[in-house]
N, C-alpha and C. Protein backbone atom coordinates (compact mmCIF):
# COMPACT_ATOMS: atom_id res chain seq x y z
N MET A 1 -6.44 16.14 28.76
CA MET A 1 -5.53 15.20 28.60
C MET A 1 -5.42 14.99 27.28
N TRP A 2 -4.24 14.08 27.07
CA TRP A 2 -3.74 13.84 25.71
C TRP A 2 -2.68 12.85 25.58
N GLN A 3 -2.57 11.85 25.02
CA GLN A 3 -1.85 10.87 25.18
C GLN A 3 -1.24 10.72 23.67
N GLN A 4 0.19 10.26 23.38
CA GLN A 4 0.94 10.09 22.10
C GLN A 4 1.29 8.23 22.17
N HIS A 5 0.99 7.85 21.46
CA HIS A 5 0.89 6.49 21.60
C HIS A 5 1.70 5.81 19.79
N GLU A 6 2.49 5.06 19.58
CA GLU A 6 2.97 4.28 18.27
C GLU A 6 2.32 3.25 18.14
N ILE A 7 1.93 3.16 16.81
CA ILE A 7 1.28 1.52 16.33
C ILE A 7 1.95 1.31 15.17
N ARG A 8 2.57 -0.21 15.14
CA ARG A 8 3.03 -0.61 14.23
C ARG A 8 2.19 -1.05 13.25
N LEU A 9 2.03 -1.36 12.26
CA LEU A 9 1.00 -2.16 11.39
C LEU A 9 1.96 -3.46 10.80
N ALA A 10 1.27 -4.25 10.42
CA ALA A 10 2.03 -5.59 9.78
C ALA A 10 2.41 -5.07 7.91
N PRO A 11 3.49 -5.16 7.57
CA PRO A 11 3.63 -5.05 6.27
C PRO A 11 2.46 -5.01 5.48
N ARG A 12 2.48 -4.29 4.07
CA ARG A 12 1.54 -4.98 3.14
C ARG A 12 1.74 -4.06 1.86
N SER A 13 1.02 -4.93 0.88
CA SER A 13 1.51 -5.06 -0.53
C SER A 13 0.84 -3.52 -0.76
N ARG A 14 1.33 -3.04 -2.21
CA ARG A 14 1.10 -1.63 -2.78
C ARG A 14 -0.80 -1.85 -3.08
N GLY A 15 -1.39 -1.23 -2.74
CA GLY A 15 -3.23 -1.19 -2.33
C GLY A 15 -3.46 -0.51 -1.62
N PHE A 16 -5.08 -0.60 -1.34
CA PHE A 16 -5.92 -0.28 -0.26
C PHE A 16 -6.16 -1.27 0.65
N HIS A 17 -5.79 -0.54 1.91
CA HIS A 17 -6.15 -1.32 3.14
C HIS A 17 -6.90 -0.97 4.59
N LEU A 18 -7.97 -1.90 4.73
CA LEU A 18 -8.58 -1.65 6.21
C LEU A 18 -7.84 -1.58 6.99
N ILE A 19 -7.29 -0.42 7.96
CA ILE A 19 -6.51 -0.59 9.21
C ILE A 19 -7.48 -0.09 10.28
N THR A 20 -8.56 0.44 10.50
CA THR A 20 -9.73 0.71 11.36
C THR A 20 -9.30 -0.20 12.60
N ARG A 21 -9.71 -1.47 12.25
CA ARG A 21 -9.83 -2.43 13.62
C ARG A 21 -8.05 -2.63 14.25
N GLU A 22 -7.45 -2.38 13.41
CA GLU A 22 -5.90 -2.83 14.25
C GLU A 22 -5.74 -1.07 15.18
N ILE A 23 -6.16 -0.12 14.34
CA ILE A 23 -5.73 1.33 15.41
C ILE A 23 -7.00 0.90 16.39
N GLU A 24 -7.95 0.98 16.32
CA GLU A 24 -8.70 0.61 17.63
C GLU A 24 -8.34 -0.66 18.53
N ASP A 25 -7.79 -1.50 18.15
CA ASP A 25 -7.53 -2.73 19.14
C ASP A 25 -6.24 -2.07 19.97
N ASP A 26 -5.35 -1.29 18.86
CA ASP A 26 -4.30 -0.71 19.78
C ASP A 26 -4.65 0.48 20.84
N LEU A 27 -5.35 1.17 20.57
CA LEU A 27 -5.72 2.31 21.53
C LEU A 27 -6.24 2.01 22.70
N ASP A 28 -5.55 1.62 23.80
CA ASP A 28 -6.38 1.53 25.05
C ASP A 28 -7.15 2.21 25.73
N GLY A 29 -8.11 2.04 26.30
CA GLY A 29 -9.40 3.19 26.55
C GLY A 29 -9.79 4.06 25.75
N LEU A 30 -9.69 3.65 24.53
CA LEU A 30 -10.60 4.66 23.12
C LEU A 30 -12.15 4.16 23.63
N SER A 31 -12.68 3.05 24.29
CA SER A 31 -14.17 2.59 24.42
C SER A 31 -14.56 3.38 25.29
N LYS A 32 -13.66 4.28 26.41
CA LYS A 32 -13.83 5.05 27.78
C LYS A 32 -14.50 6.37 27.08
N LEU A 33 -13.73 6.68 25.93
CA LEU A 33 -14.11 8.17 25.62
C LEU A 33 -15.28 8.43 25.03
N SER A 34 -15.72 9.49 25.05
CA SER A 34 -17.56 10.09 24.49
C SER A 34 -16.63 11.43 23.40
N VAL A 35 -15.90 11.86 23.66
CA VAL A 35 -14.88 12.50 22.76
C VAL A 35 -14.27 12.94 22.38
N GLY A 36 -13.27 13.07 21.58
CA GLY A 36 -11.79 13.28 21.28
C GLY A 36 -11.43 13.68 19.96
N LEU A 37 -10.09 13.31 19.24
CA LEU A 37 -9.52 13.76 17.98
C LEU A 37 -8.41 13.14 18.22
N LEU A 38 -8.47 12.47 17.02
CA LEU A 38 -6.95 11.47 16.38
C LEU A 38 -6.11 12.31 15.52
N HIS A 39 -4.97 12.12 15.73
CA HIS A 39 -4.10 12.34 14.81
C HIS A 39 -3.26 11.50 14.63
N LEU A 40 -3.28 10.96 12.94
CA LEU A 40 -2.34 10.05 12.65
C LEU A 40 -1.01 10.40 11.79
N GLN A 41 0.24 9.57 12.21
CA GLN A 41 1.30 10.24 11.06
C GLN A 41 1.87 9.23 10.43
N LEU A 42 2.12 8.88 9.40
CA LEU A 42 2.25 7.84 8.75
C LEU A 42 3.78 8.23 8.45
N LEU A 43 4.50 7.45 8.76
CA LEU A 43 5.89 7.63 8.97
C LEU A 43 6.35 6.13 7.53
N HIS A 44 6.20 6.60 6.42
CA HIS A 44 6.38 5.85 5.11
C HIS A 44 6.52 6.54 4.16
N THR A 45 7.56 6.58 3.32
CA THR A 45 7.76 7.67 2.22
C THR A 45 6.98 7.47 1.10
N SER A 46 6.06 6.43 0.80
CA SER A 46 4.92 6.17 -0.36
C SER A 46 3.83 5.69 0.14
N ALA A 47 3.80 5.81 1.71
CA ALA A 47 2.08 5.38 1.64
C ALA A 47 1.19 6.72 2.18
N SER A 48 0.04 6.88 2.11
CA SER A 48 -0.96 7.85 2.75
C SER A 48 -2.06 7.10 3.11
N LEU A 49 -2.39 7.85 3.66
CA LEU A 49 -3.79 7.61 4.45
C LEU A 49 -5.30 8.34 3.67
N THR A 50 -6.39 7.29 3.39
CA THR A 50 -7.57 8.28 3.12
C THR A 50 -8.51 7.75 3.87
N LEU A 51 -9.61 8.55 3.97
CA LEU A 51 -10.61 8.40 4.89
C LEU A 51 -11.90 7.87 3.93
N ASN A 52 -12.59 7.04 3.97
CA ASN A 52 -13.99 6.49 3.48
C ASN A 52 -14.92 5.94 4.42
N GLU A 53 -16.20 6.17 4.51
CA GLU A 53 -17.33 5.25 4.74
C GLU A 53 -17.02 3.97 4.55
N ASN A 54 -16.72 3.53 3.87
CA ASN A 54 -16.53 2.01 3.52
C ASN A 54 -18.29 1.24 3.61
N ALA A 55 -18.70 1.99 2.68
CA ALA A 55 -20.01 1.65 2.68
C ALA A 55 -20.12 0.62 1.36
N ASP A 56 -19.33 0.71 0.53
CA ASP A 56 -19.15 -0.25 -0.39
C ASP A 56 -17.63 -0.36 -1.01
N PRO A 57 -17.67 -1.79 -1.01
CA PRO A 57 -16.22 -2.20 -0.97
C PRO A 57 -15.59 -1.80 -2.34
N ASP A 58 -16.13 -1.57 -3.37
CA ASP A 58 -15.78 -1.52 -4.75
C ASP A 58 -15.09 -0.42 -4.90
N VAL A 59 -15.11 0.93 -4.06
CA VAL A 59 -14.42 2.03 -3.67
C VAL A 59 -13.10 2.03 -3.60
N ARG A 60 -12.70 0.78 -3.06
CA ARG A 60 -11.45 0.26 -2.46
C ARG A 60 -10.69 -0.21 -4.14
N HIS A 61 -11.35 -0.68 -4.83
CA HIS A 61 -11.04 -1.39 -6.36
C HIS A 61 -11.11 -0.27 -7.31
N ASP A 62 -12.38 0.60 -7.16
CA ASP A 62 -11.84 1.28 -8.08
C ASP A 62 -10.56 2.74 -8.00
N MET A 63 -10.51 2.79 -6.69
CA MET A 63 -9.15 4.12 -6.53
C MET A 63 -7.95 3.45 -6.63
N ASP A 64 -7.64 2.19 -6.33
CA ASP A 64 -6.66 1.24 -6.56
C ASP A 64 -6.35 1.28 -8.23
N ALA A 65 -7.28 0.97 -9.07
CA ALA A 65 -7.70 0.75 -10.45
C ALA A 65 -7.10 1.98 -10.73
N TYR A 66 -7.45 3.20 -10.39
CA TYR A 66 -7.50 4.50 -10.85
C TYR A 66 -5.86 4.90 -10.60
N LEU A 67 -5.35 4.77 -9.42
CA LEU A 67 -4.17 4.78 -9.23
C LEU A 67 -2.59 3.91 -9.96
N ARG A 68 -3.12 3.04 -10.16
CA ARG A 68 -2.19 2.30 -11.25
C ARG A 68 -2.49 2.68 -12.57
N HIS A 69 -3.32 3.01 -12.96
CA HIS A 69 -3.49 3.68 -14.41
C HIS A 69 -2.83 5.23 -14.38
N ILE A 70 -2.46 5.77 -13.39
CA ILE A 70 -1.86 7.09 -13.52
C ILE A 70 -0.59 7.04 -13.06
N ALA A 71 -0.30 6.21 -12.15
CA ALA A 71 1.05 5.74 -11.45
C ALA A 71 1.56 4.14 -11.07
N PRO A 72 1.76 3.84 -12.76
CA PRO A 72 2.31 2.27 -12.42
C PRO A 72 3.30 1.97 -11.86
N GLY A 73 3.65 0.97 -11.47
CA GLY A 73 4.97 0.72 -10.57
C GLY A 73 5.88 0.55 -11.72
N ASP A 74 5.84 0.58 -12.84
CA ASP A 74 7.33 0.17 -13.54
C ASP A 74 7.55 1.30 -14.16
N LEU A 75 7.35 2.68 -14.00
CA LEU A 75 7.70 3.69 -14.97
C LEU A 75 9.17 3.50 -14.83
N PRO A 76 9.48 4.59 -15.80
CA PRO A 76 11.27 3.92 -16.13
C PRO A 76 11.84 4.98 -15.41
N PHE A 77 11.30 6.37 -15.28
CA PHE A 77 12.17 7.19 -14.70
C PHE A 77 11.76 7.35 -13.17
N LEU A 78 11.51 6.24 -12.17
CA LEU A 78 11.12 6.11 -11.02
C LEU A 78 12.48 5.86 -10.29
N ARG A 79 12.59 6.74 -9.18
CA ARG A 79 14.22 6.65 -8.62
C ARG A 79 13.82 6.20 -7.20
N HIS A 80 12.60 5.71 -6.42
CA HIS A 80 12.03 5.36 -5.18
C HIS A 80 12.50 3.73 -4.79
N THR A 81 13.48 3.10 -5.09
CA THR A 81 13.45 1.93 -5.11
C THR A 81 13.91 1.28 -3.69
N LEU A 82 14.31 2.07 -2.58
CA LEU A 82 15.16 1.53 -1.46
C LEU A 82 14.09 0.52 -0.56
N GLU A 83 13.12 0.72 -0.61
CA GLU A 83 12.25 0.10 0.01
C GLU A 83 11.40 -1.45 -0.46
N GLY A 84 11.60 -1.67 -2.09
CA GLY A 84 11.78 -2.68 -2.62
C GLY A 84 10.82 -2.31 -3.64
N PRO A 85 10.30 -3.23 -4.47
CA PRO A 85 8.94 -2.64 -5.32
C PRO A 85 7.72 -2.89 -4.52
N ASP A 86 6.51 -2.48 -5.60
CA ASP A 86 5.16 -2.63 -4.78
C ASP A 86 4.56 -3.70 -5.41
N VAL A 87 4.28 -4.78 -4.96
CA VAL A 87 4.25 -5.77 -5.57
C VAL A 87 2.85 -6.05 -4.69
N ARG A 88 1.69 -6.32 -5.86
CA ARG A 88 -0.04 -6.46 -5.22
C ARG A 88 0.26 -8.51 -5.09
N VAL A 89 -0.38 -8.29 -3.74
CA VAL A 89 -0.59 -9.75 -3.27
C VAL A 89 -2.20 -9.85 -3.44
N ILE A 90 -2.70 -10.73 -4.09
CA ILE A 90 -4.34 -11.14 -3.96
C ILE A 90 -4.18 -12.25 -3.26
């Protein structure tokens, strides 16, 4: 048996965000399964998914700091602007 389901997440600013609870809440019948495989496809041009055990909240901070260092949002040669600026909300 397989299912295909579309999940729409609320818009978020640039950064690392926990979405596990939203995914779990949107998948009806998930608690009835004992084994399975979940494929996620992210339909966004500049977003990606990472898998972490989430044991230390500093991991998200460190990953965000590193990516902002190597790819700041104000690089003069950026052409990807249709979705607007990536603004950090704290």
